Amino acid sequence: MDIETSPLARPFPDMPPIAGVTLRIAKARYKNWDRCDLTYAELAEGTALAGVFTRNLCCSTEVEMGREQVKLGRARALVVNAGNSNAFTGYRGREAVEQIMAQVAAHLDCQPSDVLVSSTGVIGVPLPKDKARDGVAAALAAGPCSWEDAANTIGTTDTFAKGATASAMIGDTRVTLNGIIKGSGMIAPDMATMLGYIFTDAAVEPAFLQKCLSAANEQTYSCITVDSDTSTSDTVLAFATGKAGNAPMSGFDDPGADAFMAALHDVCRQLAHLVVRDGEGASKFIAISVTGAVDDASARRIGLAIANSPLVKTAIAGGDANWGRVVMAVGKAGEPADRDKLSIAFGGIWAARNGLPLPDYDETPVARHLAGQDVDITVDIGLGEGKATVWTCDLTHGYISINADYRS
């Protein structure tokens, strides 16, 4: 089935090279398509590694092994397979991953544990070892490709390539961060989102890189949802080659650490937003800001309850300023809330304050706001200082059409 590009799509940015990173792509033909579906990233020796993974208990072998590899803190290569998630495939799935790791390790003369593997696509079909072997061999022999080529290759139902870039000054040294991501459905990360990869030439110790990535994740990838489903394969990995030549960062007190953290957060936020903008069938990008909760964690959970409500999402799709559905979602979140202190606004226009609809509320400007592609919902709980912002998209007939035909 041909899928039209999302109306919320953003153009792929101009992304500079990252010293110590070489990208290649190839056709493994995991599905009946004529496109590249295997991405290979070769990394300089000594590259630091960090990662966050799905909490789905039926996760893939790639996720299980990735968790152990991240503990080692170093990487030499990454292989990403598109079209087959290799999840729920037992020992056959693990054998395919180990084969890829061994094949790349032999090529680079490194340990198999230095080779990270991710897979995305249909669940329950073992990754074909013959196709994986031939695909890896083709990638190893291919010429370098662009960031946009790599971003396109890791996609499945994505309708546009997703990338982001930022830079930071570490002392007198400028470091660059580039990220690519795939994802448009099965998006409700309980840690990260689909498959995302961030590369930097900064010198960062693995333990500190992990702290930075985990902190960024909490306010970006873990604050988006398309359909409330957490994938079996969700993975975000960060690689730091150290080729920029800055003094290695090992803690937040190091010079430039704040700037690096800000740049990493910026890249993660950009990528997270792009996933929502490519939500399956999406026509509107929705930002939900929750204030006045008992704490930030409570605010985030309330925000996600609103963002995951089919009634709220379909109302937004239809341009209906039905704030009663937002009230419902707040009440079902299981978090502290007081009906008589609750306030709700659309596009900065308050519809209800302190548990009551405003007597002079005019829905006309709200309707104009909801007719646009970017929708803002503000909810003040009125109980404390907790706040959070989550991002989602509307729910349209397009989501049903894409997922009903997904395996065909």
Protein backbone atom coordinates (compact mmCIF):
# COMPACT_ATOMS: atom_id res chain seq x y z
CA MET A 1 0.00 0.00 0.00
CA ASP A 2 1.33 3.41 -0.98
CA ILE A 3 1.37 5.85 1.92
CA GLU A 4 1.23 9.58 1.34
CA THR A 5 3.78 11.78 3.05
CA SER A 6 2.48 13.13 6.35
CA PRO A 7 1.06 16.66 6.07
CA LEU A 8 3.10 17.41 9.21
CA ALA A 9 6.41 16.35 7.62
CA ARG A 10 9.54 18.45 7.99
CA PRO A 11 12.38 18.66 5.45
CA PHE A 12 15.52 16.72 6.24
CA PRO A 13 18.16 19.06 7.70
CA ASP A 14 21.66 19.69 6.38
CA MET A 15 23.71 17.42 8.62
CA PRO A 16 27.52 17.64 8.66
CA PRO A 17 29.80 14.61 8.83
CA ILE A 18 30.79 13.23 12.22
CA ALA A 19 34.46 12.29 12.53
CA GLY A 20 34.73 8.61 13.36
CA VAL A 21 31.36 7.64 11.82
CA THR A 22 30.91 6.08 8.37
CA LEU A 23 27.43 5.12 7.14
CA ARG A 24 26.60 2.53 4.48
CA ILE A 25 23.33 0.97 3.30
CA ALA A 26 22.35 -2.15 1.35
CA LYS A 27 19.44 -4.27 0.16
CA ALA A 28 18.89 -7.35 2.32
CA ARG A 29 15.35 -7.68 0.92
CA TYR A 30 13.75 -8.65 4.24
CA LYS A 31 10.38 -7.86 2.66
CA ASN A 32 9.06 -7.97 -0.89
CA TRP A 33 10.32 -4.52 -1.76
CA ASP A 34 13.04 -3.00 -3.92
CA ARG A 35 14.68 -0.64 -1.44
CA CYS A 36 17.62 -0.53 0.93
CA ASP A 37 16.65 -2.04 4.27
CA LEU A 38 19.99 -2.62 6.05
CA THR A 39 22.01 0.21 7.56
CA TYR A 40 25.61 -0.16 8.70
CA ALA A 41 27.44 2.43 10.80
CA GLU A 42 31.16 1.90 11.33
CA LEU A 43 32.56 3.63 14.42
CA ALA A 44 36.08 4.62 15.43
CA GLU A 45 37.89 2.52 17.99
CA GLY A 46 37.14 3.61 21.51
CA THR A 47 33.69 5.00 20.70
CA ALA A 48 31.63 5.43 23.88
CA LEU A 49 28.18 3.84 23.98
CA ALA A 50 24.94 4.56 25.88
CA GLY A 51 21.39 3.37 25.37
CA VAL A 52 17.81 3.22 26.57
CA PHE A 53 15.45 0.39 25.69
CA THR A 54 11.84 -0.67 25.80
CA ARG A 55 10.29 -1.98 29.00
CA ASN A 56 8.02 -4.26 26.97
CA LEU A 57 8.40 -7.70 28.57
CA CYS A 58 8.15 -9.42 25.16
CA CYS A 59 11.17 -7.59 23.78
CA SER A 60 13.39 -8.76 20.95
CA THR A 61 16.74 -10.52 21.20
CA GLU A 62 18.35 -7.34 19.89
CA VAL A 63 17.04 -5.43 22.90
CA GLU A 64 18.10 -8.13 25.37
CA MET A 65 21.62 -8.24 23.97
CA GLY A 66 21.80 -4.47 23.58
CA ARG A 67 21.15 -3.97 27.27
CA GLU A 68 24.17 -6.12 28.09
CA GLN A 69 26.37 -4.43 25.47
CA VAL A 70 25.57 -0.96 26.78
CA LYS A 71 26.95 -2.03 30.16
CA LEU A 72 30.33 -2.55 28.44
CA GLY A 73 30.26 1.08 27.29
CA ARG A 74 32.06 0.76 23.95
CA ALA A 75 31.05 0.08 20.33
CA ARG A 76 32.65 -0.35 16.91
CA ALA A 77 29.60 -0.80 14.69
CA LEU A 78 25.83 -0.69 14.38
CA VAL A 79 23.60 -2.73 12.06
CA VAL A 80 19.90 -1.85 11.65
CA ASN A 81 17.48 -4.18 9.87
CA ALA A 82 14.16 -2.80 8.57
CA GLY A 83 11.08 -4.85 7.70
CA ASN A 84 11.51 -7.58 10.31
CA SER A 85 11.59 -6.94 14.07
CA ASN A 86 13.00 -10.42 14.84
CA ALA A 87 10.92 -10.29 18.05
CA PHE A 88 9.17 -13.37 19.48
CA THR A 89 11.41 -15.62 17.38
CA GLY A 90 13.23 -17.68 20.04
CA TYR A 91 16.62 -19.21 19.45
CA ARG A 92 16.41 -18.68 15.67
CA GLY A 93 16.20 -14.94 16.18
CA ARG A 94 19.19 -14.98 18.51
CA GLU A 95 21.24 -17.03 16.05
CA ALA A 96 20.59 -14.43 13.34
CA VAL A 97 21.77 -11.60 15.61
CA GLU A 98 24.88 -13.51 16.67
CA GLN A 99 25.65 -14.24 13.02
CA ILE A 100 25.52 -10.52 12.15
CA MET A 101 27.69 -9.61 15.12
CA ALA A 102 30.29 -12.24 14.23
CA GLN A 103 30.33 -11.26 10.55
CA VAL A 104 30.94 -7.59 11.27
CA ALA A 105 33.42 -8.34 14.07
CA ALA A 106 35.51 -10.46 11.70
CA HIS A 107 35.53 -7.60 9.22
CA LEU A 108 36.63 -5.03 11.83
CA ASP A 109 38.84 -7.37 13.86
CA CYS A 110 36.92 -6.56 17.03
CA GLN A 111 34.81 -8.45 19.57
CA PRO A 112 31.25 -9.44 18.57
CA SER A 113 30.03 -7.59 21.66
CA ASP A 114 31.30 -4.37 20.04
CA VAL A 115 28.64 -4.71 17.30
CA LEU A 116 25.13 -3.44 18.10
CA VAL A 117 22.14 -4.77 16.17
CA SER A 118 18.60 -3.40 15.93
CA SER A 119 15.64 -4.72 13.95
CA THR A 120 12.20 -3.28 13.26
CA GLY A 121 9.13 -4.48 11.40
CA VAL A 122 6.79 -7.44 11.57
CA ILE A 123 6.80 -9.35 14.88
CA GLY A 124 7.01 -13.15 15.02
CA VAL A 125 9.06 -13.85 11.87
CA PRO A 126 12.68 -14.97 12.42
CA LEU A 127 15.21 -12.76 10.69
CA PRO A 128 16.36 -14.75 7.62
CA LYS A 129 20.01 -15.57 8.22
CA ASP A 130 20.83 -15.89 4.52
CA LYS A 131 19.37 -12.49 3.71
CA ALA A 132 21.09 -10.95 6.73
CA ARG A 133 24.44 -12.44 5.73
CA ASP A 134 24.17 -11.20 2.13
CA GLY A 135 22.87 -7.81 3.24
CA VAL A 136 25.73 -7.27 5.67
CA ALA A 137 28.25 -8.32 3.04
CA ALA A 138 26.75 -5.85 0.57
CA ALA A 139 26.84 -3.06 3.15
CA LEU A 140 30.47 -3.73 4.05
CA ALA A 141 31.39 -3.42 0.37
CA ALA A 142 29.22 -0.34 -0.32
CA GLY A 143 30.43 3.22 -0.52
CA PRO A 144 29.56 5.74 2.22
CA CYS A 145 26.06 7.19 2.17
CA SER A 146 24.41 10.35 3.46
CA TRP A 147 22.57 10.83 6.73
CA GLU A 148 19.31 11.13 4.82
CA ASP A 149 19.95 7.83 3.02
CA ALA A 150 20.53 6.13 6.36
CA ALA A 151 17.43 7.73 7.86
CA ASN A 152 15.31 6.50 4.96
CA THR A 153 16.75 3.00 5.19
CA ILE A 154 15.88 2.42 8.86
CA GLY A 155 12.22 3.32 8.24
CA THR A 156 9.22 1.00 7.83
CA THR A 157 5.85 2.80 7.69
CA ASP A 158 7.59 6.18 8.00
CA THR A 159 6.54 8.67 5.34
CA PHE A 160 9.59 10.92 5.56
CA ALA A 161 13.22 10.71 6.69
CA LYS A 162 13.84 12.09 10.18
CA GLY A 163 17.07 13.73 11.28
CA ALA A 164 18.32 16.42 13.65
CA THR A 165 21.63 18.14 14.34
CA ALA A 166 23.08 20.46 16.98
CA SER A 167 26.46 21.63 18.20
CA ALA A 168 28.07 22.74 21.45
CA MET A 169 31.26 24.39 22.60
CA ILE A 170 33.41 22.33 24.96
CA GLY A 171 36.05 24.82 25.99
CA ASP A 172 37.52 26.00 22.70
CA THR A 173 36.32 22.93 20.81
CA ARG A 174 33.09 22.74 18.86
CA VAL A 175 31.44 19.32 18.95
CA THR A 176 28.64 18.14 16.68
CA LEU A 177 25.69 15.85 17.39
CA ASN A 178 23.64 14.20 14.63
CA GLY A 179 20.62 11.98 15.12
CA ILE A 180 18.34 9.87 12.94
CA ILE A 181 15.18 8.07 14.01
CA LYS A 182 12.37 5.94 12.65
CA GLY A 183 8.87 5.54 13.97
CA SER A 184 5.28 6.43 13.16
CA GLY A 185 3.15 3.75 14.82
CA MET A 186 3.35 1.58 17.94
CA ILE A 187 4.57 4.70 19.70
CA ALA A 188 4.05 5.03 23.44
CA PRO A 189 7.55 4.73 24.77
CA ASP A 190 8.02 3.63 28.32
CA MET A 191 11.68 4.56 27.92
CA ALA A 192 12.50 5.55 24.37
CA THR A 193 10.93 5.46 20.95
CA MET A 194 11.16 3.03 18.09
CA LEU A 195 14.72 3.10 16.73
CA GLY A 196 16.83 6.20 17.23
CA TYR A 197 20.58 6.78 16.94
CA ILE A 198 22.65 9.77 17.99
CA PHE A 199 26.26 10.23 16.94
CA THR A 200 28.73 12.82 18.23
CA ASP A 201 32.42 13.52 17.82
CA ALA A 202 32.63 14.67 21.44
CA ALA A 203 34.84 12.84 23.93
CA VAL A 204 32.50 11.59 26.64
CA GLU A 205 33.01 8.84 29.18
CA PRO A 206 30.38 6.07 28.76
CA ALA A 207 28.91 6.43 32.25
CA PHE A 208 28.37 10.17 31.79
CA LEU A 209 26.99 9.66 28.27
CA GLN A 210 24.47 7.25 29.78
CA LYS A 211 23.43 9.78 32.42
CA CYS A 212 22.96 12.45 29.75
CA LEU A 213 20.93 10.20 27.46
CA SER A 214 18.73 8.90 30.27
CA ALA A 215 18.02 12.45 31.45
CA ALA A 216 17.19 13.64 27.93
CA ASN A 217 14.96 10.63 27.37
CA GLU A 218 12.77 11.45 30.36
CA GLN A 219 11.74 14.79 28.84
CA THR A 220 11.62 13.83 25.17
CA TYR A 221 11.16 10.25 23.97
CA SER A 222 9.25 9.25 27.08
CA CYS A 223 6.85 12.16 26.59
CA ILE A 224 5.44 11.21 23.19
CA THR A 225 2.66 8.88 22.15
CA VAL A 226 0.87 8.09 18.91
CA ASP A 227 -1.30 5.12 19.82
CA SER A 228 -0.45 4.04 23.41
CA ASP A 229 1.40 0.91 22.22
CA THR A 230 4.97 0.31 23.39
CA SER A 231 7.04 -1.64 20.84
CA THR A 232 8.97 -4.85 21.46
CA SER A 233 12.01 -3.21 19.87
CA ASP A 234 12.19 0.40 21.11
CA THR A 235 15.84 1.45 21.24
CA VAL A 236 17.77 4.71 21.38
CA LEU A 237 21.55 4.51 21.26
CA ALA A 238 24.15 7.25 21.58
CA PHE A 239 27.69 6.94 20.23
CA ALA A 240 30.55 9.35 21.06
CA THR A 241 33.67 8.88 18.93
CA GLY A 242 35.88 11.38 20.79
CA LYS A 243 37.36 12.62 17.51
CA ALA A 244 36.63 16.29 18.22
CA GLY A 245 39.61 16.31 20.58
CA ASN A 246 37.99 17.97 23.58
CA ALA A 247 38.97 17.04 27.12
CA PRO A 248 36.84 13.97 27.91
CA MET A 249 33.72 14.79 29.92
CA SER A 250 32.93 12.55 32.88
CA GLY A 251 30.49 14.62 34.94
CA PHE A 252 28.13 17.59 34.93
CA ASP A 253 30.76 19.74 36.65
CA ASP A 254 33.19 19.41 33.73
CA PRO A 255 33.65 22.46 31.47
CA GLY A 256 31.17 22.36 28.60
CA ALA A 257 29.08 19.56 30.08
CA ASP A 258 26.01 21.78 30.38
CA ALA A 259 26.33 22.85 26.75
CA PHE A 260 26.70 19.25 25.62
CA MET A 261 23.66 18.19 27.64
CA ALA A 262 21.61 21.03 26.15
CA ALA A 263 22.61 20.03 22.61
CA LEU A 264 21.80 16.38 23.27
CA HIS A 265 18.41 17.33 24.70
CA ASP A 266 17.75 19.51 21.65
CA VAL A 267 18.50 16.66 19.24
CA CYS A 268 16.36 14.23 21.23
CA ARG A 269 13.46 16.68 21.37
CA GLN A 270 13.63 17.36 17.65
CA LEU A 271 13.65 13.64 16.85
CA ALA A 272 10.80 12.88 19.26
CA HIS A 273 8.66 15.59 17.67
CA LEU A 274 9.37 14.25 14.19
CA VAL A 275 8.09 10.81 15.18
CA VAL A 276 4.81 12.35 16.35
CA ARG A 277 4.59 14.43 13.18
CA ASP A 278 4.78 11.19 11.22
CA GLY A 279 2.18 9.46 13.39
CA GLU A 280 0.23 7.02 11.28
CA GLY A 281 -2.68 8.92 9.74
CA ALA A 282 -1.84 12.10 11.69
CA SER A 283 -3.13 15.48 10.54
CA LYS A 284 -2.41 17.51 13.69
CA PHE A 285 0.55 17.83 16.06
CA ILE A 286 -0.69 18.24 19.64
CA ALA A 287 1.27 19.65 22.58
CA ILE A 288 -0.28 19.05 26.00
CA SER A 289 1.11 21.14 28.84
CA VAL A 290 0.16 20.12 32.37
CA THR A 291 0.86 22.42 35.32
CA GLY A 292 -0.17 22.49 38.94
CA ALA A 293 0.23 18.75 39.53
CA VAL A 294 1.59 17.37 42.80
CA ASP A 295 4.93 16.66 41.09
CA ASP A 296 6.46 16.40 37.62
CA ALA A 297 5.93 12.64 37.37
CA SER A 298 2.24 13.05 38.13
CA ALA A 299 1.98 15.82 35.53
CA ARG A 300 3.54 13.57 32.91
CA ARG A 301 1.16 10.72 33.67
CA ILE A 302 -1.83 13.04 33.45
CA GLY A 303 -0.53 14.43 30.17
CA LEU A 304 -0.13 10.96 28.72
CA ALA A 305 -3.64 9.99 29.86
CA ILE A 306 -4.97 12.92 27.84
CA ALA A 307 -2.69 12.21 24.89
CA ASN A 308 -3.67 8.52 24.78
CA SER A 309 -7.43 9.11 24.96
CA PRO A 310 -9.10 8.09 21.68
CA LEU A 311 -11.96 10.45 22.53
CA VAL A 312 -9.65 13.42 22.93
CA LYS A 313 -7.66 12.53 19.82
CA THR A 314 -10.73 12.07 17.61
CA ALA A 315 -12.24 15.31 18.90
CA ILE A 316 -9.08 17.16 17.87
CA ALA A 317 -9.16 15.41 14.49
CA GLY A 318 -12.67 16.76 13.99
CA GLY A 319 -11.85 20.25 15.26
CA ASP A 320 -14.19 19.80 18.23
CA ALA A 321 -13.21 21.82 21.32
CA ASN A 322 -14.79 19.25 23.62
CA TRP A 323 -13.01 20.08 26.85
CA GLY A 324 -15.23 17.63 28.71
CA ARG A 325 -13.18 14.83 27.18
CA VAL A 326 -10.05 16.38 28.66
CA VAL A 327 -11.74 16.44 32.06
CA MET A 328 -12.54 12.76 31.64
CA ALA A 329 -8.94 11.92 30.76
CA VAL A 330 -7.57 13.83 33.76
CA GLY A 331 -9.94 11.98 36.05
CA LYS A 332 -9.02 8.53 34.75
CA ALA A 333 -5.25 9.09 35.02
CA GLY A 334 -5.18 7.77 38.59
CA GLU A 335 -3.28 10.85 39.77
CA PRO A 336 -4.27 13.41 42.42
CA ALA A 337 -6.80 15.83 40.91
CA ASP A 338 -9.62 18.03 42.18
CA ARG A 339 -12.53 18.71 39.87
CA ASP A 340 -13.15 22.10 41.47
CA LYS A 341 -9.56 23.30 40.88
CA LEU A 342 -9.16 22.11 37.30
CA SER A 343 -8.62 24.61 34.46
CA ILE A 344 -8.43 23.86 30.71
CA ALA A 345 -7.36 25.95 27.71
CA PHE A 346 -7.03 25.44 23.95
CA GLY A 347 -4.54 27.60 22.09
CA GLY A 348 -4.07 29.79 25.16
CA ILE A 349 -7.80 30.49 25.48
CA TRP A 350 -9.30 29.28 28.75
CA ALA A 351 -12.51 27.31 28.38
CA ALA A 352 -12.86 26.44 32.06
CA ARG A 353 -11.26 27.76 35.25
CA ASN A 354 -11.40 26.31 38.74
CA GLY A 355 -13.86 23.59 37.84
CA LEU A 356 -16.35 25.81 36.00
CA PRO A 357 -16.88 26.81 32.36
CA LEU A 358 -16.18 30.51 31.85
CA PRO A 359 -19.41 32.49 31.38
CA ASP A 360 -17.92 34.58 28.55
CA TYR A 361 -16.20 31.64 26.81
CA ASP A 362 -16.22 32.12 23.02
CA GLU A 363 -15.51 28.94 21.09
CA THR A 364 -14.94 30.75 17.77
CA PRO A 365 -11.20 31.50 18.24
CA VAL A 366 -10.70 28.03 19.70
CA ALA A 367 -12.26 26.48 16.60
CA ARG A 368 -9.85 28.50 14.46
CA HIS A 369 -6.94 27.20 16.53
CA LEU A 370 -8.09 23.59 16.19
CA ALA A 371 -8.40 23.99 12.43
CA GLY A 372 -4.62 24.43 12.20
CA GLN A 373 -1.94 21.73 12.14
CA ASP A 374 -0.43 22.62 15.52
CA VAL A 375 -2.72 22.35 18.53
CA ASP A 376 -1.92 23.40 22.11
CA ILE A 377 -3.83 22.13 25.14
CA THR A 378 -3.08 23.50 28.62
CA VAL A 379 -4.33 21.84 31.79
CA ASP A 380 -3.76 23.31 35.25
CA ILE A 381 -4.46 20.80 38.02
CA GLY A 382 -4.32 23.45 40.75
CA LEU A 383 -2.68 21.29 43.40
CA GLY A 384 1.08 21.88 43.32
CA GLU A 385 4.17 22.83 41.32
CA GLY A 386 4.50 19.75 39.12
CA LYS A 387 4.61 20.31 35.36
CA ALA A 388 5.27 18.39 32.15
CA THR A 389 4.68 18.62 28.43
CA VAL A 390 3.80 15.63 26.28
CA TRP A 391 3.28 15.45 22.55
CA THR A 392 0.86 13.41 20.45
CA CYS A 393 -1.15 13.52 17.25
CA ASP A 394 -4.81 13.18 16.36
CA LEU A 395 -6.50 9.87 15.53
CA THR A 396 -7.94 9.60 12.02
CA HIS A 397 -9.25 6.95 9.63
CA GLY A 398 -5.75 6.86 8.16
CA TYR A 399 -4.39 5.08 11.24
CA ILE A 400 -6.86 2.24 10.77
CA SER A 401 -6.12 1.93 7.06
CA ILE A 402 -2.34 1.78 7.55
CA ASN A 403 -2.46 -0.82 10.32
CA ALA A 404 -5.20 -2.97 8.80
CA ASP A 405 -2.99 -3.43 5.73
CA TYR A 406 0.37 -3.50 7.54
CA ARG A 407 1.39 -7.08 6.64
CA SER A 408 0.08 -7.00 3.08
